[in-house]
Each structure stands twice: as C-alpha cells, then as structure tokens.
Amino acid sequence: MPKITFIDHDGHAKTVEAEIGATVMETAQRNGIEGIVAECGGSCTCATCMVHVDEAWTATVGQPSSEEEDMLDTAYDVRPSSRLSCQIKVTENLDGLVVRTPAYQGR
C-alpha cells in the first residue's frame, strides 16, 4: 500500500497507509488526520480539505481541474502547491507523497 505523510501547521508529521483508489481526503479521515475538515464529503464543493502538496510531488500529483481551481479561489491560504485532497486519487505512483495541512480550513 502507498504511504502518505501528512504534516500539520505545527510541523508534526504522521505517515499512514493509503488504499489505492481512495482519495487523499478519505485517507486522512480514515486515519484521524487533523486539519482536513471536508465539509462536503469529497464532492469538490467546499474547499475545506485543501492541502499544500510538497514541491517534490507537484508534478506527480498533477494540476487541478478547472472545477477544483474555482473552489480553490474560495479557500484560505491558497498557494501554487494547493490542491483539494478530495480530488487527489491514490495510486502506486503516490507512494511517499507528502502534503501539509493549513492552520485553518475555511473560506
């Protein structure tokens, strides 16, 4: 199983196993990762599951869709590396992925 490391805004890291086909958001919720609110449950309509993808992983994770970009426009602390974790599907290629959760999830 691929492993994903979540780093919170205070720098605390937690590495968890992720199921292939799940999303990064689902993986976070299943493993008690704090900092991912996911109010809409993963339907790309709230932007409260935003993460900052580690620079080394941005090319592998890919760019957001136009729908995702629209939602990111409503998020707090958006950066060039920001993605909605509900829109990142776990694949074998994401083994070792590192994402950071912001201090605040909201609009």
C-alpha atoms as a PDB file:
ATOM      1  CA  MET A   1       0.000   0.000   0.000  1.00  0.00           C
ATOM      2  CA  PRO A   2       1.234   3.515  -0.751  1.00  0.00           C
ATOM      3  CA  LYS A   3       2.207   5.659   2.202  1.00  0.00           C
ATOM      4  CA  ILE A   4       1.269   9.332   2.581  1.00  0.00           C
ATOM      5  CA  THR A   5       2.829  11.711   5.077  1.00  0.00           C
ATOM      6  CA  PHE A   6       0.633  14.494   6.448  1.00  0.00           C
ATOM      7  CA  ILE A   7       2.414  17.399   8.139  1.00  0.00           C
ATOM      8  CA  ASP A   8       0.306  19.776  10.194  1.00  0.00           C
ATOM      9  CA  HIS A   9       0.850  23.519  10.520  1.00  0.00           C
ATOM     10  CA  ASP A  10       2.987  22.972  13.638  1.00  0.00           C
ATOM     11  CA  GLY A  11       5.312  20.591  11.781  1.00  0.00           C
ATOM     12  CA  HIS A  12       4.065  17.342  13.301  1.00  0.00           C
ATOM     13  CA  ALA A  13       4.170  14.538  10.739  1.00  0.00           C
ATOM     14  CA  LYS A  14       2.113  11.370  10.543  1.00  0.00           C
ATOM     15  CA  THR A  15       2.674   8.731   7.871  1.00  0.00           C
ATOM     16  CA  VAL A  16      -0.234   6.444   7.052  1.00  0.00           C
ATOM     17  CA  GLU A  17      -1.031   3.692   4.572  1.00  0.00           C
ATOM     18  CA  ALA A  18      -3.442   4.627   1.798  1.00  0.00           C
ATOM     19  CA  GLU A  19      -5.781   2.413  -0.153  1.00  0.00           C
ATOM     20  CA  ILE A  20      -5.365   2.542  -3.931  1.00  0.00           C
ATOM     21  CA  GLY A  21      -8.382   4.232  -5.483  1.00  0.00           C
ATOM     22  CA  ALA A  22      -9.241   6.194  -2.343  1.00  0.00           C
ATOM     23  CA  THR A  23      -8.621   9.921  -2.204  1.00  0.00           C
ATOM     24  CA  VAL A  24      -6.066  11.675  -0.045  1.00  0.00           C
ATOM     25  CA  MET A  25      -9.025  13.193   1.857  1.00  0.00           C
ATOM     26  CA  GLU A  26     -10.560   9.769   2.544  1.00  0.00           C
ATOM     27  CA  THR A  27      -7.165   8.509   3.662  1.00  0.00           C
ATOM     28  CA  ALA A  28      -6.830  11.424   6.090  1.00  0.00           C
ATOM     29  CA  GLN A  29     -10.283  10.872   7.538  1.00  0.00           C
ATOM     30  CA  ARG A  30      -9.764   7.123   7.974  1.00  0.00           C
ATOM     31  CA  ASN A  31      -6.542   7.777   9.851  1.00  0.00           C
ATOM     32  CA  GLY A  32      -7.624  10.603  12.146  1.00  0.00           C
ATOM     33  CA  ILE A  33      -5.584  13.316  10.465  1.00  0.00           C
ATOM     34  CA  GLU A  34      -6.493  16.684  11.922  1.00  0.00           C
ATOM     35  CA  GLY A  35      -6.691  19.747   9.711  1.00  0.00           C
ATOM     36  CA  ILE A  36      -8.863  18.299   6.965  1.00  0.00           C
ATOM     37  CA  VAL A  37     -12.471  19.306   7.612  1.00  0.00           C
ATOM     38  CA  ALA A  38     -14.051  18.037   4.362  1.00  0.00           C
ATOM     39  CA  GLU A  39     -17.470  19.608   4.973  1.00  0.00           C
ATOM     40  CA  CYS A  40     -18.846  18.466   1.603  1.00  0.00           C
ATOM     41  CA  GLY A  41     -17.612  14.900   1.985  1.00  0.00           C
ATOM     42  CA  GLY A  42     -15.442  14.992  -1.106  1.00  0.00           C
ATOM     43  CA  SER A  43     -17.719  16.436  -3.772  1.00  0.00           C
ATOM     44  CA  CYS A  44     -15.419  19.381  -4.605  1.00  0.00           C
ATOM     45  CA  THR A  45     -17.896  21.984  -3.366  1.00  0.00           C
ATOM     46  CA  CYS A  46     -16.355  23.437  -0.198  1.00  0.00           C
ATOM     47  CA  ALA A  47     -12.521  23.662  -0.311  1.00  0.00           C
ATOM     48  CA  THR A  48     -12.208  22.625   3.356  1.00  0.00           C
ATOM     49  CA  CYS A  49      -9.918  19.702   2.526  1.00  0.00           C
ATOM     50  CA  MET A  50      -7.167  21.784   0.970  1.00  0.00           C
ATOM     51  CA  VAL A  51      -3.586  20.640   1.349  1.00  0.00           C
ATOM     52  CA  HIS A  52      -0.260  22.026   0.216  1.00  0.00           C
ATOM     53  CA  VAL A  53       1.492  19.377  -1.863  1.00  0.00           C
ATOM     54  CA  ASP A  54       5.212  19.113  -1.211  1.00  0.00           C
ATOM     55  CA  GLU A  55       7.178  20.671  -4.060  1.00  0.00           C
ATOM     56  CA  ALA A  56       8.841  17.356  -4.920  1.00  0.00           C
ATOM     57  CA  TRP A  57       5.391  15.860  -5.601  1.00  0.00           C
ATOM     58  CA  THR A  58       3.603  18.589  -7.556  1.00  0.00           C
ATOM     59  CA  ALA A  59       4.397  17.134 -10.989  1.00  0.00           C
ATOM     60  CA  THR A  60       3.369  13.618  -9.956  1.00  0.00           C
ATOM     61  CA  VAL A  61       0.114  14.773  -8.354  1.00  0.00           C
ATOM     62  CA  GLY A  62      -0.689  16.962 -11.356  1.00  0.00           C
ATOM     63  CA  GLN A  63      -2.621  20.164 -11.823  1.00  0.00           C
ATOM     64  CA  PRO A  64      -6.119  20.876 -10.510  1.00  0.00           C
ATOM     65  CA  SER A  65      -9.101  20.722 -12.837  1.00  0.00           C
ATOM     66  CA  SER A  66     -10.917  23.965 -13.647  1.00  0.00           C
ATOM     67  CA  GLU A  67     -13.678  22.954 -11.200  1.00  0.00           C
ATOM     68  CA  GLU A  68     -11.093  22.452  -8.470  1.00  0.00           C
ATOM     69  CA  GLU A  69      -9.411  25.771  -9.308  1.00  0.00           C
ATOM     70  CA  ASP A  70     -12.770  27.504  -8.901  1.00  0.00           C
ATOM     71  CA  MET A  71     -13.106  26.041  -5.412  1.00  0.00           C
ATOM     72  CA  LEU A  72      -9.520  26.905  -4.516  1.00  0.00           C
ATOM     73  CA  ASP A  73     -10.368  30.523  -5.346  1.00  0.00           C
ATOM     74  CA  THR A  74     -12.651  30.473  -2.284  1.00  0.00           C
ATOM     75  CA  ALA A  75     -10.132  28.879   0.106  1.00  0.00           C
ATOM     76  CA  TYR A  76      -7.897  30.448   2.728  1.00  0.00           C
ATOM     77  CA  ASP A  77      -4.068  30.444   2.413  1.00  0.00           C
ATOM     78  CA  VAL A  78      -4.001  29.192  -1.184  1.00  0.00           C
ATOM     79  CA  ARG A  79      -0.528  28.655  -2.623  1.00  0.00           C
ATOM     80  CA  PRO A  80       0.726  27.443  -6.005  1.00  0.00           C
ATOM     81  CA  SER A  81       1.037  23.960  -4.477  1.00  0.00           C
ATOM     82  CA  SER A  82      -2.528  23.915  -3.112  1.00  0.00           C
ATOM     83  CA  ARG A  83      -4.862  21.086  -4.049  1.00  0.00           C
ATOM     84  CA  LEU A  84      -8.131  19.778  -2.711  1.00  0.00           C
ATOM     85  CA  SER A  85      -7.326  16.442  -1.124  1.00  0.00           C
ATOM     86  CA  CYS A  86     -10.694  15.078  -2.265  1.00  0.00           C
ATOM     87  CA  GLN A  87      -9.512  15.435  -5.848  1.00  0.00           C
ATOM     88  CA  ILE A  88      -6.236  13.502  -5.499  1.00  0.00           C
ATOM     89  CA  LYS A  89      -6.736   9.788  -6.148  1.00  0.00           C
ATOM     90  CA  VAL A  90      -4.248   7.455  -4.522  1.00  0.00           C
ATOM     91  CA  THR A  91      -2.174   5.402  -6.957  1.00  0.00           C
ATOM     92  CA  GLU A  92       1.037   3.391  -6.572  1.00  0.00           C
ATOM     93  CA  ASN A  93       2.851   6.427  -8.037  1.00  0.00           C
ATOM     94  CA  LEU A  94       1.919   8.434  -4.928  1.00  0.00           C
ATOM     95  CA  ASP A  95       3.809   6.147  -2.544  1.00  0.00           C
ATOM     96  CA  GLY A  96       5.747   8.563  -0.328  1.00  0.00           C
ATOM     97  CA  LEU A  97       3.541  11.599  -1.042  1.00  0.00           C
ATOM     98  CA  VAL A  98       3.985  14.464   1.414  1.00  0.00           C
ATOM     99  CA  VAL A  99       1.241  17.038   1.996  1.00  0.00           C
ATOM    100  CA  ARG A 100       0.859  19.817   4.533  1.00  0.00           C
ATOM    101  CA  THR A 101      -2.386  20.837   6.169  1.00  0.00           C
ATOM    102  CA  PRO A 102      -3.030  24.547   6.754  1.00  0.00           C
ATOM    103  CA  ALA A 103      -3.668  26.075  10.164  1.00  0.00           C
ATOM    104  CA  TYR A 104      -7.216  26.940   9.112  1.00  0.00           C
ATOM    105  CA  GLN A 105      -9.678  25.358   6.675  1.00  0.00           C
ATOM    106  CA  GLY A 106     -12.299  27.811   5.645  1.00  0.00           C
ATOM    107  CA  ARG A 107     -13.431  30.451   3.261  1.00  0.00           C
END
